[in-house]
N, C-alpha and C. Protein backbone atom coordinates (compact mmCIF):
# COMPACT_ATOMS: atom_id res chain seq x y z
N MET A 1 130.88 277.07 -13.50
CA MET A 1 129.51 276.79 -13.50
C MET A 1 128.93 277.96 -13.07
N ASN A 2 127.59 278.13 -13.61
CA ASN A 2 126.80 279.36 -13.41
C ASN A 2 126.17 279.31 -12.00
N LYS A 3 125.68 280.42 -11.43
CA LYS A 3 125.30 280.37 -9.92
C LYS A 3 124.00 279.48 -9.84
N PRO A 4 122.86 279.60 -10.52
CA PRO A 4 121.73 278.83 -10.03
C PRO A 4 122.03 277.21 -10.20
N ALA A 5 122.79 276.73 -11.00
CA ALA A 5 123.63 275.54 -11.03
C ALA A 5 124.32 274.94 -9.66
N HIS A 6 125.14 276.00 -9.25
CA HIS A 6 125.94 275.86 -8.38
C HIS A 6 125.22 275.87 -6.83
N VAL A 7 123.89 276.69 -6.75
CA VAL A 7 123.19 276.71 -5.90
C VAL A 7 122.28 275.32 -5.67
N PHE A 8 122.01 274.85 -6.76
CA PHE A 8 120.98 273.63 -6.98
C PHE A 8 122.10 272.46 -6.58
N TRP A 9 123.24 272.40 -6.81
CA TRP A 9 123.96 271.30 -6.34
C TRP A 9 124.63 271.36 -4.90
N THR A 10 124.85 272.70 -4.64
CA THR A 10 125.21 272.60 -3.29
C THR A 10 123.90 272.33 -2.32
N ALA A 11 122.66 272.68 -2.72
CA ALA A 11 121.67 272.20 -1.96
C ALA A 11 121.45 270.53 -2.04
N THR A 12 121.66 270.31 -3.02
CA THR A 12 121.37 268.86 -3.17
C THR A 12 122.34 268.05 -2.43
N VAL A 13 123.81 268.29 -2.36
CA VAL A 13 124.76 267.83 -1.70
C VAL A 13 124.42 268.07 -0.15
N GLY A 14 123.84 268.65 0.17
CA GLY A 14 123.57 269.18 1.47
C GLY A 14 122.65 268.56 2.18
N LEU A 15 121.45 268.19 1.21
CA LEU A 15 120.27 267.39 1.52
C LEU A 15 120.80 266.09 1.79
N VAL A 16 121.86 265.37 0.79
CA VAL A 16 122.07 264.06 1.01
C VAL A 16 123.10 263.58 2.30
N VAL A 17 123.76 264.78 2.39
CA VAL A 17 124.73 264.62 3.62
C VAL A 17 123.93 264.72 4.92
N PHE A 18 122.89 265.56 5.09
CA PHE A 18 122.24 265.33 6.31
C PHE A 18 121.08 264.47 6.60
N ALA A 19 120.55 264.00 5.19
CA ALA A 19 119.43 263.42 5.24
C ALA A 19 119.81 261.54 5.40
N THR A 20 121.05 261.45 4.79
CA THR A 20 121.54 259.84 4.87
C THR A 20 121.89 259.37 6.31
N PRO A 21 122.28 260.00 7.24
CA PRO A 21 122.67 259.74 8.18
C PRO A 21 121.41 259.47 9.42
N TYR A 22 120.39 260.65 9.13
CA TYR A 22 119.33 260.64 9.72
C TYR A 22 118.41 259.38 9.16
N LEU A 23 118.34 259.09 8.03
CA LEU A 23 117.43 257.85 7.81
C LEU A 23 118.02 256.80 8.27
N ALA A 24 119.38 256.65 8.26
CA ALA A 24 120.38 255.62 8.68
C ALA A 24 119.87 255.14 10.32
N MET A 25 119.94 256.29 11.14
CA MET A 25 119.61 256.17 12.52
C MET A 25 118.15 255.73 12.63
N ARG A 26 117.34 256.55 11.86
CA ARG A 26 115.62 256.08 12.10
C ARG A 26 115.66 254.41 11.91
N SER A 27 116.25 254.04 10.90
CA SER A 27 116.20 252.61 10.28
C SER A 27 116.76 251.68 11.23
N ALA A 28 117.74 252.26 11.88
CA ALA A 28 118.47 251.13 12.95
C ALA A 28 117.49 251.30 14.10
N SER A 29 117.09 252.36 14.43
CA SER A 29 116.03 252.22 15.74
C SER A 29 114.90 251.53 15.35
N ALA A 30 114.12 251.73 14.21
CA ALA A 30 113.31 250.76 14.06
C ALA A 30 113.32 249.29 13.87
N TRP A 31 114.46 249.00 13.45
CA TRP A 31 114.99 247.76 13.18
C TRP A 31 115.41 247.19 14.43
N HIS A 32 115.82 247.91 15.42
CA HIS A 32 116.06 247.25 16.82
C HIS A 32 114.82 247.51 18.15
N GLN A 33 113.76 247.88 17.50
CA GLN A 33 112.48 247.69 18.12
C GLN A 33 112.06 246.10 18.13
N GLY A 34 112.31 245.20 17.24
CA GLY A 34 112.02 243.80 17.41
C GLY A 34 110.82 243.41 16.83
N TYR A 35 110.21 244.41 16.03
CA TYR A 35 108.76 244.16 15.21
C TYR A 35 109.12 243.05 14.27
N THR A 36 108.18 242.31 13.78
CA THR A 36 108.10 241.42 12.33
C THR A 36 107.75 242.55 11.48
N TRP A 37 107.73 242.27 10.47
CA TRP A 37 107.44 243.08 9.16
C TRP A 37 105.87 243.11 9.20
N ALA A 38 105.14 241.93 9.55
CA ALA A 38 103.72 241.79 9.70
C ALA A 38 103.15 243.14 10.82
N GLU A 39 103.64 242.96 11.96
CA GLU A 39 103.47 243.91 13.05
C GLU A 39 103.54 245.31 12.80
N MET A 40 104.75 245.75 11.75
CA MET A 40 104.86 247.23 11.46
C MET A 40 103.66 247.70 10.55
N ASP A 41 102.88 246.67 10.10
CA ASP A 41 101.68 247.34 9.10
C ASP A 41 100.64 247.98 9.82
N TRP A 42 101.12 248.98 10.43
CA TRP A 42 100.26 250.01 11.20
C TRP A 42 98.80 250.32 10.75
N ASN A 43 98.71 250.33 9.52
CA ASN A 43 97.36 250.63 8.94
C ASN A 43 96.69 249.20 8.34
N ARG A 44 97.32 248.26 8.72
CA ARG A 44 96.51 246.88 8.36
C ARG A 44 96.06 246.91 6.85
N ASN A 45 96.78 247.26 5.90
CA ASN A 45 96.60 247.14 4.52
C ASN A 45 97.14 246.02 3.85
N GLY A 46 97.80 245.25 4.60
CA GLY A 46 98.40 243.88 4.23
C GLY A 46 100.03 244.30 3.48
N VAL A 47 100.39 245.57 3.81
CA VAL A 47 101.93 245.88 3.03
C VAL A 47 102.37 246.77 4.03
N THR A 48 103.86 246.59 4.61
CA THR A 48 104.44 247.35 5.38
C THR A 48 105.37 248.13 4.31
N SER A 49 104.87 249.42 4.47
CA SER A 49 105.59 250.51 3.70
C SER A 49 106.76 251.12 4.43
N PRO A 50 107.88 251.78 3.59
CA PRO A 50 109.02 252.30 4.02
C PRO A 50 108.60 253.11 5.34
N VAL A 51 107.55 253.83 5.08
CA VAL A 51 106.96 255.13 6.05
C VAL A 51 106.46 254.28 7.60
N GLU A 52 105.75 253.17 6.99
CA GLU A 52 105.55 252.35 8.44
C GLU A 52 106.63 251.83 8.91
N PHE A 53 107.75 251.25 8.26
CA PHE A 53 108.82 250.87 8.79
C PHE A 53 109.84 251.85 9.72
N LEU A 54 109.78 253.03 9.22
CA LEU A 54 110.48 253.93 10.07
C LEU A 54 109.57 254.83 11.01
N SER A 55 108.20 254.38 11.22
CA SER A 55 107.26 254.99 12.04
C SER A 55 107.75 253.81 13.44
N ALA A 56 108.17 252.62 13.17
CA ALA A 56 108.34 251.71 14.05
C ALA A 56 109.29 252.26 15.15
N SER A 57 110.00 253.10 14.98
CA SER A 57 110.92 253.84 15.80
C SER A 57 110.55 254.55 17.03
N ASP A 58 109.20 254.95 16.59
CA ASP A 58 108.43 255.93 17.34
C ASP A 58 106.92 255.00 18.15
N ILE A 59 107.21 253.92 17.99
CA ILE A 59 106.12 252.91 18.41
C ILE A 59 106.43 251.95 19.38
N GLY A 60 105.87 251.90 20.61
CA GLY A 60 106.16 251.09 21.77
C GLY A 60 104.87 249.89 21.89
N ARG A 61 105.21 248.68 22.51
CA ARG A 61 104.50 247.66 22.64
C ARG A 61 104.02 247.56 24.21
N ARG A 62 102.97 247.32 25.04
CA ARG A 62 102.63 247.02 25.94
C ARG A 62 101.45 245.80 26.01
N ARG A 63 101.55 245.15 27.09
CA ARG A 63 100.41 244.28 27.41
C ARG A 63 99.16 244.82 28.08
N VAL A 64 98.00 244.63 27.76
CA VAL A 64 96.86 245.32 28.28
C VAL A 64 95.86 244.10 28.33
N THR A 65 95.04 244.67 29.34
CA THR A 65 93.61 243.50 29.53
C THR A 65 92.52 244.16 29.15
N SER A 66 91.67 243.50 28.13
CA SER A 66 90.58 243.86 27.64
C SER A 66 89.20 242.75 27.99
N GLY A 67 88.73 243.16 29.16
CA GLY A 67 87.73 242.37 29.83
C GLY A 67 88.74 241.22 30.21
N SER A 68 88.52 239.75 30.02
CA SER A 68 89.56 238.94 30.47
C SER A 68 90.48 238.84 29.20
N VAL A 69 90.50 239.33 28.65
CA VAL A 69 91.66 238.64 27.33
C VAL A 69 92.94 239.60 27.46
N VAL A 70 94.09 239.04 27.30
CA VAL A 70 95.14 239.86 27.37
C VAL A 70 95.27 240.12 25.70
N CYS A 71 95.63 241.55 25.65
CA CYS A 71 95.85 241.84 24.25
C CYS A 71 97.55 242.61 24.04
N THR A 72 98.04 242.88 23.01
CA THR A 72 99.12 243.78 22.99
C THR A 72 98.51 245.06 22.53
N GLU A 73 98.87 246.22 22.82
CA GLU A 73 98.70 247.52 22.49
C GLU A 73 99.76 247.95 21.80
N TYR A 74 99.99 248.76 20.61
CA TYR A 74 101.02 249.47 20.34
C TYR A 74 100.59 251.26 20.39
N TYR A 75 101.65 251.71 21.07
CA TYR A 75 101.34 252.78 21.56
C TYR A 75 102.39 253.95 20.83
N ALA A 76 102.01 255.24 20.59
CA ALA A 76 103.07 256.18 20.32
C ALA A 76 103.77 256.67 21.48
N TYR A 77 105.12 256.72 21.32
CA TYR A 77 105.72 257.45 22.44
C TYR A 77 105.69 258.61 22.96
N LYS A 78 105.47 259.35 21.70
CA LYS A 78 105.18 261.03 21.98
C LYS A 78 103.94 261.46 22.92
N ASP A 79 102.90 260.49 22.74
CA ASP A 79 101.75 260.97 23.84
C ASP A 79 101.07 259.82 24.36
N GLY A 80 101.50 258.50 24.17
CA GLY A 80 101.23 257.42 24.81
C GLY A 80 99.64 256.86 24.10
N ASP A 81 99.25 257.59 23.10
CA ASP A 81 98.01 257.13 22.74
C ASP A 81 98.03 255.77 21.61
N ALA A 82 96.92 255.14 21.93
CA ALA A 82 97.19 253.71 21.18
C ALA A 82 97.19 253.94 19.58
N VAL A 83 98.16 253.26 18.93
CA VAL A 83 98.18 253.27 17.50
C VAL A 83 97.29 252.01 16.72
N ARG A 84 97.53 250.78 17.76
CA ARG A 84 96.81 249.48 17.36
C ARG A 84 96.74 248.65 18.48
N LEU A 85 95.58 248.03 18.38
CA LEU A 85 95.23 247.06 19.62
C LEU A 85 95.35 245.32 19.05
N ASP A 86 95.93 244.49 19.27
CA ASP A 86 95.85 243.17 18.89
C ASP A 86 95.59 242.29 20.01
N CYS A 87 94.14 241.79 19.66
CA CYS A 87 93.84 240.69 20.61
C CYS A 87 93.67 239.19 19.91
N PRO A 88 93.90 238.25 20.84
CA PRO A 88 93.72 237.03 20.36
C PRO A 88 92.06 236.71 19.96
N ARG A 89 91.67 236.00 18.90
CA ARG A 89 90.38 235.54 18.96
C ARG A 89 89.95 234.78 19.70
């Protein structure tokens, strides 16, 4: 095998070896958050994408009061900033 092909295949195998466990851990973490598929539609476009699913592992949920209404706020673990606020109508 020539050198460029060897480098290509070594890099490809290395990427798969490291990316697969990482994606598996992120997926398991997102799944264990307990969100429904509809809740994980963070940008509210009607579709939960794979990226939104994986993002769920970094998003928490808390109850907040807005006026006299109890709402659900989804926030980023990294900084506590709100990702979305859901209030009953």
